[in-house]
Amino acid sequence: MKNGIHPEYHMVKVVCSSCNTEFEVGSTEKDIRIDTCSNCHPFYTGKQRFAQAAGRIERFNKKYNIKNEG
């Protein structure tokens, strides 16, 4: 590695503004604040809903007059 061209790399504390969870990561930044983390994001907590996709399928079937032969 060349001297003097690389940024300082150190451990910093990341703070989630939604749930106030704190954890440490390595970074070149001094302070990191995030909106959502894996503790409060719906995808990771299992509270994600897919209701919009079902509506799209129903609209498509209605538009092209497709009967559900389930």
N, C-alpha and C. Protein backbone atom coordinates (compact mmCIF):
# COMPACT_ATOMS: atom_id res chain seq x y z
N MET A 1 0.84 -1.19 0.00
CA MET A 1 0.00 0.00 0.00
C MET A 1 0.88 1.24 0.00
N LYS A 2 0.46 2.23 -0.76
CA LYS A 2 1.18 3.50 -0.76
C LYS A 2 0.81 4.29 0.49
N ASN A 3 1.75 5.01 1.01
CA ASN A 3 1.51 5.82 2.20
C ASN A 3 0.82 7.13 1.85
N GLY A 4 -0.15 7.54 2.68
CA GLY A 4 -0.76 8.85 2.53
C GLY A 4 -1.92 8.95 1.56
N ILE A 5 -2.31 7.87 0.87
CA ILE A 5 -3.41 8.00 -0.09
C ILE A 5 -4.68 7.29 0.36
N HIS A 6 -4.61 6.49 1.40
CA HIS A 6 -5.76 5.72 1.85
C HIS A 6 -6.44 6.42 3.03
N PRO A 7 -7.78 6.39 3.07
CA PRO A 7 -8.48 7.02 4.19
C PRO A 7 -8.32 6.20 5.48
N GLU A 8 -8.52 6.86 6.60
CA GLU A 8 -8.46 6.18 7.90
C GLU A 8 -9.64 5.23 8.03
N TYR A 9 -9.38 3.99 8.41
CA TYR A 9 -10.42 2.98 8.59
C TYR A 9 -10.47 2.65 10.07
N HIS A 10 -11.65 2.81 10.68
CA HIS A 10 -11.79 2.54 12.09
C HIS A 10 -13.19 2.03 12.41
N MET A 11 -13.37 1.53 13.62
CA MET A 11 -14.67 1.04 14.06
C MET A 11 -15.53 2.23 14.49
N VAL A 12 -16.77 2.29 13.97
CA VAL A 12 -17.69 3.36 14.31
C VAL A 12 -19.02 2.76 14.79
N LYS A 13 -19.77 3.55 15.53
CA LYS A 13 -21.06 3.11 16.03
C LYS A 13 -22.15 3.57 15.07
N VAL A 14 -22.99 2.63 14.63
CA VAL A 14 -24.12 2.93 13.76
C VAL A 14 -25.36 3.02 14.63
N VAL A 15 -26.16 4.09 14.46
CA VAL A 15 -27.36 4.29 15.25
C VAL A 15 -28.57 4.32 14.32
N CYS A 16 -29.58 3.50 14.63
CA CYS A 16 -30.83 3.47 13.87
C CYS A 16 -31.77 4.51 14.47
N SER A 17 -32.29 5.39 13.63
CA SER A 17 -33.17 6.45 14.13
C SER A 17 -34.58 5.95 14.41
N SER A 18 -34.97 4.78 13.90
CA SER A 18 -36.31 4.25 14.13
C SER A 18 -36.43 3.55 15.48
N CYS A 19 -35.47 2.68 15.77
CA CYS A 19 -35.59 1.87 16.99
C CYS A 19 -34.44 2.10 17.98
N ASN A 20 -33.54 3.03 17.66
CA ASN A 20 -32.40 3.39 18.52
C ASN A 20 -31.45 2.23 18.79
N THR A 21 -31.38 1.26 17.89
CA THR A 21 -30.43 0.17 18.01
C THR A 21 -29.05 0.68 17.62
N GLU A 22 -28.04 0.23 18.35
CA GLU A 22 -26.67 0.62 18.06
C GLU A 22 -25.83 -0.63 17.82
N PHE A 23 -24.95 -0.57 16.80
CA PHE A 23 -24.01 -1.65 16.55
C PHE A 23 -22.77 -1.06 15.92
N GLU A 24 -21.66 -1.79 15.95
CA GLU A 24 -20.40 -1.28 15.43
C GLU A 24 -20.05 -1.93 14.11
N VAL A 25 -19.51 -1.12 13.21
CA VAL A 25 -19.02 -1.58 11.92
C VAL A 25 -17.71 -0.87 11.61
N GLY A 26 -16.95 -1.40 10.69
CA GLY A 26 -15.75 -0.73 10.23
C GLY A 26 -16.09 0.21 9.09
N SER A 27 -15.57 1.44 9.14
CA SER A 27 -15.90 2.42 8.12
C SER A 27 -14.84 3.52 8.07
N THR A 28 -14.89 4.29 6.99
CA THR A 28 -14.04 5.46 6.89
C THR A 28 -14.77 6.71 7.37
N GLU A 29 -16.08 6.59 7.64
CA GLU A 29 -16.87 7.71 8.16
C GLU A 29 -16.67 7.82 9.66
N LYS A 30 -16.95 8.99 10.21
CA LYS A 30 -16.82 9.21 11.66
C LYS A 30 -18.08 8.79 12.41
N ASP A 31 -19.26 9.06 11.83
CA ASP A 31 -20.54 8.80 12.49
C ASP A 31 -21.55 8.35 11.43
N ILE A 32 -22.29 7.28 11.72
CA ILE A 32 -23.28 6.78 10.75
C ILE A 32 -24.64 6.70 11.44
N ARG A 33 -25.64 7.32 10.83
CA ARG A 33 -27.02 7.25 11.30
C ARG A 33 -27.86 6.71 10.14
N ILE A 34 -28.72 5.72 10.45
CA ILE A 34 -29.55 5.11 9.42
C ILE A 34 -31.02 5.24 9.81
N ASP A 35 -31.91 5.14 8.81
CA ASP A 35 -33.35 5.25 9.06
C ASP A 35 -33.94 3.94 9.58
N THR A 36 -33.59 2.83 8.96
CA THR A 36 -34.09 1.52 9.40
C THR A 36 -32.94 0.54 9.41
N CYS A 37 -33.03 -0.42 10.32
CA CYS A 37 -32.01 -1.45 10.42
C CYS A 37 -32.68 -2.82 10.32
N SER A 38 -31.91 -3.88 10.46
CA SER A 38 -32.47 -5.22 10.36
C SER A 38 -33.38 -5.56 11.54
N ASN A 39 -33.30 -4.82 12.63
CA ASN A 39 -34.18 -5.07 13.78
C ASN A 39 -35.57 -4.50 13.58
N CYS A 40 -35.72 -3.46 12.76
CA CYS A 40 -37.03 -2.81 12.62
C CYS A 40 -37.55 -2.80 11.18
N HIS A 41 -36.79 -3.30 10.21
CA HIS A 41 -37.24 -3.31 8.82
C HIS A 41 -38.27 -4.43 8.63
N PRO A 42 -39.40 -4.15 7.96
CA PRO A 42 -40.47 -5.15 7.79
C PRO A 42 -40.01 -6.44 7.10
N PHE A 43 -39.08 -6.37 6.19
CA PHE A 43 -38.62 -7.57 5.49
C PHE A 43 -37.96 -8.55 6.45
N TYR A 44 -37.15 -8.04 7.36
CA TYR A 44 -36.42 -8.89 8.29
C TYR A 44 -37.24 -9.30 9.50
N THR A 45 -38.24 -8.51 9.87
CA THR A 45 -39.07 -8.84 11.03
C THR A 45 -40.22 -9.77 10.68
N GLY A 46 -40.50 -9.97 9.39
CA GLY A 46 -41.58 -10.86 8.97
C GLY A 46 -42.93 -10.19 8.93
N LYS A 47 -42.97 -8.87 9.02
CA LYS A 47 -44.24 -8.15 9.01
C LYS A 47 -44.53 -7.51 7.66
N GLN A 48 -43.82 -7.96 6.64
CA GLN A 48 -44.00 -7.42 5.30
C GLN A 48 -45.28 -8.00 4.70
N ARG A 49 -46.02 -7.15 4.00
CA ARG A 49 -47.28 -7.58 3.39
C ARG A 49 -47.16 -7.54 1.88
N PHE A 50 -47.80 -8.47 1.21
CA PHE A 50 -47.79 -8.54 -0.24
C PHE A 50 -49.19 -8.34 -0.80
N ALA A 51 -49.98 -7.50 -0.18
CA ALA A 51 -51.37 -7.30 -0.59
C ALA A 51 -51.47 -6.65 -1.96
N GLN A 52 -50.53 -5.81 -2.31
CA GLN A 52 -50.59 -5.10 -3.59
C GLN A 52 -50.43 -6.06 -4.76
N ALA A 53 -49.61 -7.10 -4.63
CA ALA A 53 -49.40 -8.05 -5.72
C ALA A 53 -50.69 -8.80 -6.04
N ALA A 54 -51.45 -9.17 -5.02
CA ALA A 54 -52.70 -9.87 -5.24
C ALA A 54 -53.68 -9.00 -6.02
N GLY A 55 -53.72 -7.73 -5.74
CA GLY A 55 -54.59 -6.81 -6.47
C GLY A 55 -54.21 -6.69 -7.93
N ARG A 56 -52.94 -6.73 -8.24
CA ARG A 56 -52.48 -6.64 -9.62
C ARG A 56 -52.92 -7.86 -10.42
N ILE A 57 -52.86 -9.03 -9.80
CA ILE A 57 -53.26 -10.26 -10.48
C ILE A 57 -54.75 -10.23 -10.79
N GLU A 58 -55.54 -9.79 -9.80
CA GLU A 58 -56.99 -9.71 -10.01
C GLU A 58 -57.34 -8.71 -11.10
N ARG A 59 -56.66 -7.57 -11.13
CA ARG A 59 -56.92 -6.57 -12.19
C ARG A 59 -56.56 -7.12 -13.56
N PHE A 60 -55.43 -7.85 -13.65
CA PHE A 60 -55.03 -8.44 -14.93
C PHE A 60 -56.07 -9.43 -15.40
N ASN A 61 -56.51 -10.31 -14.51
CA ASN A 61 -57.52 -11.31 -14.89
C ASN A 61 -58.83 -10.66 -15.31
N LYS A 62 -59.22 -9.60 -14.62
CA LYS A 62 -60.45 -8.89 -14.97
C LYS A 62 -60.31 -8.18 -16.31
N LYS A 63 -59.15 -7.58 -16.56
CA LYS A 63 -58.91 -6.84 -17.80
C LYS A 63 -59.00 -7.75 -19.02
N TYR A 64 -58.44 -8.96 -18.91
CA TYR A 64 -58.42 -9.88 -20.04
C TYR A 64 -59.49 -10.95 -19.93
N ASN A 65 -60.44 -10.77 -19.01
CA ASN A 65 -61.58 -11.65 -18.84
C ASN A 65 -61.14 -13.12 -18.66
N ILE A 66 -60.20 -13.32 -17.78
CA ILE A 66 -59.70 -14.67 -17.50
C ILE A 66 -60.44 -15.20 -16.28
N LYS A 67 -61.01 -16.38 -16.44
CA LYS A 67 -61.72 -17.02 -15.35
C LYS A 67 -60.75 -17.87 -14.54
N ASN A 68 -60.90 -17.83 -13.24
CA ASN A 68 -60.04 -18.61 -12.36
C ASN A 68 -60.57 -20.04 -12.29
N GLU A 69 -59.83 -20.99 -12.88
CA GLU A 69 -60.29 -22.38 -12.94
C GLU A 69 -59.59 -23.21 -11.87
N GLY A 70 -59.21 -22.59 -10.74
CA GLY A 70 -58.46 -23.12 -9.66
C GLY A 70 -58.78 -24.43 -9.19
